């Protein structure tokens, strides 16, 4: 802050002219010195009381302006705002900071930084009066995580994986899903199927449900016995949430095996 005292009286001809002239000269000199002391040494000079160069003051305020209107209103002045109970935000998020940029009528840009839930960054561009739609920016914190979608547009992570007592699964943001599991040891001696002998049906509930019945792929690892084995869908069939499989063998001699099963489909 520049502290400059009130100027002295304008000198007038008379017996005190010289003293008045000197007082005014002293005031000018003190004012110039005060201004010189307040000048910054550079754009990053943080000395208290110094003046700031143009552009060194950031946004020119201590905090973002609170905004409760439509964040996609093209007439919002350029600046940074805090959206509180606002409209037009990316799907599934609320209360965040956004940067508004205007480029004349019909052209603008938004960058939105969600405060909750879980954070995230989105962009939206206005071109010839038409918004492009919110596009999420992906980086190290949200590439891998729970996938989600809104109207077919990804809103969560790009890749998700998990496991539970029913096996493991992988999901991708485009809707693909793959589930894996291994059956307990099965013995094909429960019934005959033509020249084959079958095990009791093994019911598999997928570790993650599909939107429609998936494609089932099964292979067998022989545990014991001389016969070759094959796995197939049992009479219980399969649905979007689970499948029923049996182990078949060519003979009745003691033999056992396990089924390695994979289901491929879509989660939306």
Foldseek 3Di string as FASTA:
>chain_A
DQDADDAADDADDDPCRVVSVVSRVVSVVVNVVSLVVQDAPDQPRPPPNHDHDPPSCVQVDDDAAEDAEAPPPQPDDFDKHWHAVYPPDAPPAGTWMKTWAHDDPQWIKIWTWGPDDVTFIWIWIGHNNDIPHIDTDDDDPFQEDDWDDDPQHIDGHQKYKDADPLFIKIAGNNFKIKTKDKADKWWQAPQDDVQKGKTPKDKGFTPAFAPWFFDKDKDKDWDDDDWDKDKDFDPVAAIRGITIMMIITRDNPTTIIMMIMMTIDGRD
